[in-house]
Protein backbone atom coordinates (compact mmCIF):
# COMPACT_ATOMS: atom_id res chain seq x y z
CA MET A 1 60.61 87.10 82.26
CA MET A 2 62.49 87.85 85.46
CA GLU A 3 65.56 90.04 85.11
CA THR A 4 68.96 88.71 86.13
CA ILE A 5 71.79 90.32 88.06
CA SER A 6 75.28 88.96 87.45
CA VAL A 7 77.44 89.30 90.56
CA VAL A 8 81.16 89.49 89.77
CA VAL A 9 83.38 88.65 92.74
CA PRO A 10 87.20 88.75 92.36
CA CYS A 11 88.96 86.41 94.80
CA PHE A 12 92.61 86.07 95.73
CA ASN A 13 93.37 83.76 98.65
CA GLU A 14 89.88 84.18 100.13
CA GLN A 15 88.93 80.64 101.14
CA GLU A 16 87.64 81.81 104.53
CA ALA A 17 85.62 84.74 103.23
CA ILE A 18 83.80 82.96 100.37
CA PRO A 19 81.19 81.02 102.42
CA LEU A 20 80.63 84.04 104.69
CA PHE A 21 80.05 86.28 101.68
CA TYR A 22 77.66 83.80 100.07
CA SER A 23 75.57 83.42 103.22
CA ALA A 24 75.40 87.16 103.88
CA PHE A 25 74.51 87.87 100.25
CA LEU A 26 71.59 85.46 100.21
CA LYS A 27 70.29 86.83 103.51
CA GLU A 28 70.39 90.48 102.43
CA THR A 29 68.88 89.91 98.96
CA ALA A 30 66.15 87.41 99.86
CA GLY A 31 63.33 89.85 99.07
CA MET A 32 64.57 91.10 95.70
CA ASP A 33 62.43 90.23 92.65
CA VAL A 34 65.36 89.31 90.42
CA ALA A 35 67.38 86.21 89.63
CA PHE A 36 71.08 86.03 90.41
CA GLU A 37 74.10 84.42 88.84
CA PHE A 38 77.46 84.51 90.61
CA TRP A 39 80.76 84.79 88.78
CA PHE A 40 83.60 84.22 91.21
CA VAL A 41 87.01 84.84 89.66
CA ASP A 42 89.90 82.98 91.28
CA ASP A 43 92.85 85.27 90.60
CA GLY A 44 95.58 82.63 90.84
CA SER A 45 95.02 81.88 94.52
CA THR A 46 97.50 79.66 96.34
CA ASP A 47 95.19 78.58 99.17
CA GLY A 48 91.91 76.64 99.02
CA THR A 49 89.92 79.33 97.19
CA LEU A 50 89.23 77.18 94.12
CA GLU A 51 88.16 74.21 96.24
CA ALA A 52 85.79 76.48 98.20
CA LEU A 53 84.25 77.67 94.93
CA LYS A 54 83.81 74.09 93.71
CA ARG A 55 82.02 73.15 96.93
CA LEU A 56 79.79 76.18 96.60
CA ARG A 57 78.95 75.36 92.99
CA ALA A 58 78.02 71.80 93.98
CA GLU A 59 75.42 73.29 96.34
CA ASP A 60 74.15 76.07 94.06
CA PRO A 61 74.32 75.87 90.23
CA ARG A 62 73.98 79.66 90.06
CA VAL A 63 77.56 79.81 91.30
CA LYS A 64 80.02 79.88 88.41
CA TYR A 65 83.72 80.51 88.46
CA ILE A 66 86.79 81.33 86.41
CA SER A 67 90.19 80.23 87.66
CA PHE A 68 93.24 82.08 86.27
CA SER A 69 96.46 80.33 85.33
CA ARG A 70 98.29 82.77 87.63
CA ASN A 71 97.70 86.01 89.50
CA PHE A 72 96.77 88.67 86.94
CA GLY A 73 95.39 91.22 89.40
CA LYS A 74 91.99 92.48 90.43
CA GLU A 75 91.55 94.58 87.29
CA SER A 76 91.85 91.49 85.09
CA ALA A 77 89.53 89.55 87.40
CA MET A 78 86.83 92.21 87.13
CA TYR A 79 87.17 92.25 83.35
CA ALA A 80 86.91 88.45 83.15
CA GLY A 81 83.80 88.40 85.33
CA MET A 82 82.08 91.13 83.32
CA GLU A 83 83.00 89.38 80.08
CA ALA A 84 81.47 86.09 81.26
CA SER A 85 78.35 87.69 82.77
CA THR A 86 75.00 87.37 81.01
CA GLY A 87 72.64 89.30 83.32
CA ASN A 88 70.62 92.40 82.56
CA TYR A 89 72.64 94.13 85.26
CA VAL A 90 76.15 93.50 86.55
CA VAL A 91 77.37 94.07 90.10
CA ILE A 92 81.03 94.09 91.11
CA MET A 93 81.69 93.23 94.75
CA ASP A 94 84.60 92.33 97.00
CA VAL A 95 84.30 88.98 98.73
CA ASP A 96 85.44 90.36 102.11
CA LEU A 97 82.01 92.01 102.74
CA GLN A 98 83.50 95.50 102.81
CA ASP A 99 80.94 96.05 100.05
CA PRO A 100 77.63 95.61 101.91
CA PRO A 101 75.03 93.50 100.02
CA ALA A 102 72.32 95.44 101.88
CA LEU A 103 72.82 98.29 99.37
CA LEU A 104 71.78 96.16 96.38
CA PRO A 105 68.03 96.92 96.62
CA LYS A 106 68.81 100.67 96.53
CA MET A 107 71.10 100.12 93.57
CA LEU A 108 68.43 98.26 91.63
CA GLN A 109 65.90 100.96 92.46
CA GLY A 110 68.25 103.64 91.17
CA ILE A 111 68.52 101.92 87.80
CA ARG A 112 64.96 100.65 87.42
CA GLN A 113 62.94 103.53 88.81
CA GLU A 114 65.26 106.53 88.65
CA GLY A 115 66.71 105.89 85.22
CA TYR A 116 70.40 105.72 86.10
CA ASP A 117 72.81 103.56 84.10
CA CYS A 118 75.03 102.92 87.10
CA VAL A 119 74.67 103.12 90.86
CA ALA A 120 78.10 103.27 92.48
CA THR A 121 79.35 103.55 96.04
CA ARG A 122 81.87 105.70 97.84
CA ARG A 123 83.24 105.56 101.36
CA VAL A 124 82.80 108.71 103.40
CA THR A 125 85.16 107.52 106.13
CA ARG A 126 88.40 105.54 106.17
CA ALA A 127 88.11 104.29 109.73
CA GLY A 128 90.41 101.37 110.39
CA GLU A 129 92.96 102.33 107.74
CA PRO A 130 96.48 103.53 108.61
CA LYS A 131 96.50 107.33 108.67
CA ILE A 132 99.42 107.61 106.26
CA ARG A 133 97.58 105.44 103.74
CA SER A 134 94.40 107.49 104.06
CA PHE A 135 96.38 110.71 103.63
CA PHE A 136 98.03 109.58 100.40
CA ALA A 137 94.72 108.24 99.09
CA ARG A 138 93.09 111.65 99.55
CA MET A 139 96.09 113.34 97.92
CA PHE A 140 95.85 110.99 94.95
CA TYR A 141 92.20 111.84 94.29
CA ARG A 142 92.94 115.55 94.53
CA LEU A 143 95.88 115.24 92.18
CA ILE A 144 94.26 113.13 89.50
CA ASN A 145 91.14 115.29 89.41
CA ARG A 146 93.32 118.36 88.87
CA ILE A 147 95.39 116.89 86.05
CA SER A 148 92.80 114.69 84.31
CA LYS A 149 89.63 115.49 82.41
CA THR A 150 88.13 112.25 83.74
CA GLU A 151 86.57 112.87 87.14
CA ILE A 152 87.25 110.19 89.75
CA VAL A 153 85.17 110.55 92.90
CA ASP A 154 87.09 110.58 96.18
CA GLY A 155 86.49 107.34 98.07
CA ALA A 156 84.96 105.62 95.03
CA ARG A 157 84.73 101.85 95.29
CA ASP A 158 84.58 99.24 92.56
CA PHE A 159 81.30 98.15 94.18
CA ARG A 160 78.59 99.22 91.72
CA MET A 161 75.64 98.03 89.67
CA MET A 162 75.65 98.71 85.94
CA THR A 163 73.32 98.17 83.00
CA ARG A 164 74.30 95.75 80.27
CA GLN A 165 74.88 98.65 77.87
CA MET A 166 77.43 100.25 80.19
CA VAL A 167 79.18 96.92 80.79
CA ASP A 168 79.47 96.32 77.05
CA SER A 169 81.03 99.77 76.66
CA ILE A 170 83.59 98.94 79.36
CA LEU A 171 84.40 95.61 77.73
CA SER A 172 85.04 97.37 74.42
CA LEU A 173 88.16 98.91 76.01
CA HIS A 174 90.79 96.20 75.67
CA GLU A 175 93.73 97.98 77.28
CA VAL A 176 95.95 95.73 79.39
CA SER A 177 97.02 98.37 81.92
CA ARG A 178 93.58 98.95 83.35
CA PHE A 179 92.45 101.48 85.94
CA SER A 180 88.77 100.68 86.30
CA LYS A 181 87.85 103.64 88.50
CA GLY A 182 88.88 105.85 85.60
CA ILE A 183 87.33 103.60 82.96
CA PHE A 184 83.95 103.60 84.75
CA SER A 185 83.98 107.38 84.60
CA TRP A 186 85.47 107.70 81.11
CA VAL A 187 82.72 105.70 79.38
CA GLY A 188 80.18 108.17 80.73
CA TYR A 189 76.56 107.18 81.47
CA ARG A 190 74.42 108.53 84.28
CA THR A 191 75.76 107.51 87.68
CA LYS A 192 74.18 107.79 91.11
CA TRP A 193 76.44 107.66 94.16
CA LEU A 194 75.58 105.94 97.43
CA GLU A 195 77.63 106.84 100.48
CA TYR A 196 78.50 104.53 103.35
CA GLU A 197 81.02 104.27 106.15
CA ASN A 198 84.02 101.99 105.95
CA ILE A 199 83.39 98.37 107.00
CA ALA A 200 86.06 96.02 108.30
CA ARG A 201 86.91 92.82 106.44
CA VAL A 202 84.92 89.79 107.54
CA ALA A 203 87.94 87.49 107.21
CA GLY A 204 91.50 87.40 105.93
CA GLU A 205 93.86 90.28 105.29
CA THR A 206 93.98 92.98 102.63
CA LYS A 207 96.09 92.17 99.57
CA TRP A 208 96.77 95.86 98.88
CA SER A 209 100.07 96.98 100.37
CA PHE A 210 101.12 100.62 100.32
CA TRP A 211 103.56 99.88 97.49
CA LYS A 212 100.89 98.17 95.37
CA LEU A 213 98.53 101.09 95.88
CA LEU A 214 101.29 103.52 94.88
CA LEU A 215 101.95 101.64 91.63
CA TYR A 216 98.20 101.43 91.02
CA SER A 217 97.87 105.20 91.45
CA ILE A 218 100.70 105.74 88.96
CA ASP A 219 98.82 103.55 86.47
CA GLY A 220 95.77 105.74 87.00
CA ILE A 221 97.66 108.97 86.42
CA ILE A 222 99.42 107.68 83.31
CA GLY A 223 96.24 106.12 81.95
CA PHE A 224 94.09 109.24 82.27
CA SER A 225 96.38 112.24 82.03
CA THR A 226 99.19 113.43 79.77
CA LEU A 227 99.97 116.41 82.01
CA PRO A 228 103.16 114.80 83.41
CA LEU A 229 104.57 114.84 79.87
CA ALA A 230 103.72 118.53 79.57
CA ILE A 231 105.34 119.19 82.96
CA ALA A 232 108.53 117.47 81.78
CA SER A 233 108.59 119.67 78.69
CA VAL A 234 107.96 122.85 80.68
CA VAL A 235 110.68 121.97 83.20
CA GLY A 236 113.13 121.39 80.35
CA VAL A 237 112.37 124.75 78.75
CA LEU A 238 112.49 126.52 82.12
CA PHE A 239 115.94 125.18 82.99
CA CYS A 240 117.22 126.04 79.52
CA LEU A 241 116.15 129.65 80.09
CA ILE A 242 117.72 129.70 83.55
CA ALA A 243 120.97 128.31 82.14
CA PHE A 244 120.98 130.91 79.37
CA VAL A 245 120.46 133.77 81.82
CA LEU A 246 123.22 132.44 84.09
CA ILE A 247 125.62 132.18 81.14
CA LEU A 248 125.00 135.82 80.27
CA PHE A 249 125.34 136.85 83.91
CA PHE A 250 128.68 135.14 84.45
CA PHE A 251 129.95 136.29 81.05
CA PHE A 252 129.34 139.97 81.76
CA LYS A 253 130.45 139.59 85.36
CA THR A 254 133.81 138.28 84.20
CA ILE A 255 134.30 140.65 81.23
CA ILE A 256 133.11 143.89 82.83
CA TRP A 257 134.13 143.50 86.46
CA GLY A 258 136.91 140.98 85.96
CA ASP A 259 135.47 138.71 88.64
CA PRO A 260 136.39 135.10 87.80
CA VAL A 261 133.73 132.43 88.21
CA ALA A 262 134.65 130.28 91.19
CA GLY A 263 132.99 127.73 93.36
CA PHE A 264 133.63 124.06 92.64
CA PRO A 265 130.99 122.85 95.17
CA ALA A 266 128.35 125.08 93.59
CA THR A 267 129.20 123.68 90.16
CA ILE A 268 128.82 120.10 91.40
CA CYS A 269 125.48 120.92 93.03
CA ILE A 270 124.20 122.48 89.80
CA ILE A 271 125.34 119.48 87.77
CA LEU A 272 123.61 117.09 90.19
CA LEU A 273 120.44 119.20 90.14
CA LEU A 274 120.28 119.29 86.36
CA GLY A 275 121.11 115.59 86.16
CA GLY A 276 118.32 114.81 88.61
CA ILE A 277 115.84 116.90 86.63
CA GLN A 278 116.83 115.17 83.42
CA LEU A 279 116.48 111.71 84.94
CA PHE A 280 113.11 112.70 86.40
CA CYS A 281 111.83 113.81 83.00
CA ILE A 282 113.26 110.73 81.31
CA GLY A 283 111.51 108.63 83.97
CA ILE A 284 108.17 110.23 83.11
CA LEU A 285 108.74 109.53 79.43
CA GLY A 286 109.78 105.99 80.31
CA GLN A 287 106.54 105.30 82.19
CA TYR A 288 104.42 106.33 79.22
CA LEU A 289 106.69 104.46 76.82
CA SER A 290 106.54 101.27 78.92
CA LYS A 291 102.73 101.34 78.97
CA THR A 292 102.68 101.88 75.21
CA TYR A 293 105.13 99.00 74.76
CA LEU A 294 102.97 96.64 76.81
CA GLU A 295 99.83 97.61 74.89
CA THR A 296 101.48 97.02 71.51
CA LYS A 297 102.28 93.44 72.53
CA ARG A 298 98.52 92.78 72.55
CA ARG A 299 98.81 90.16 75.24
CA PRO A 300 95.52 88.84 76.69
CA ILE A 301 94.17 90.58 79.78
CA TYR A 302 93.97 87.20 81.52
CA ILE A 303 94.40 83.48 80.87
CA ALA A 304 91.78 81.12 82.30
CA ARG A 305 92.95 77.69 83.44
CA GLU A 306 89.47 76.50 84.37
CA ILE A 307 85.94 77.81 83.77
CA ALA A 308 82.74 76.37 85.21
CA GLY A 309 79.23 77.46 84.27
CA LYS A 310 79.85 79.42 81.08
CA GLY A 311 76.99 79.06 78.60
CA GLU A 312 74.55 77.70 81.18
């Protein structure tokens, strides 16, 4: 029996890119000896994305889709697609063709013939991106790999092919605040990396602003490292020691030499500094507490308003 690859494609306001992606995918994979099923996930789009998916499904029954009740984010869309998939292997791809379908034969070879559980991709260049964004992206990967036991490869993309066993392991993690790049690494399994240069979007505009990427990176750090909590504790102890030493210094300075402690501006600066440090540490605690609070609510990762093709 021919093996099947489930292709999971998150979409948010991508009505122009969907037909281009579909055509390019079929062209690049025409010679592969596998069957395909497509799971497009409409992440609460406000344009004609859902209508484009319905037209595509009318032409090709292999095209299936999930339409969210609102925008839940790409992480939820990937989870929904993997959960609905039934193939022997699962591929996650962006619809904008920045993830080249031409790499799929190499991915399948890596799993079938080389024994890997996952074949993932990473960009070796960031051509076309704003320099400030590229700089902070590189800094993020350096930081998280220093403070976390889970290794996250610099330039790693969500574009990858995985075995059913690995996908089931990922789906067993039901956390709401998801950082898939970390989850892919945390579950383990043998992974082969394919490198390629950055490719421009085929249509539309990126939905990832600098602010969204910053918040996403914070989710990654909080989700896969507790070092910030340790840093807050160390900073607290350090400033307590400094305060104690300063108290002794000013005490003996006044008693022995009779030099009164003066300097109202210095006092204000010290108060502001300590207040800032305290608020910073409380903020770190607050981030971890907020994530814990959200997880204890046990809200669903997504809500589907419409599903087509499930069980076929």
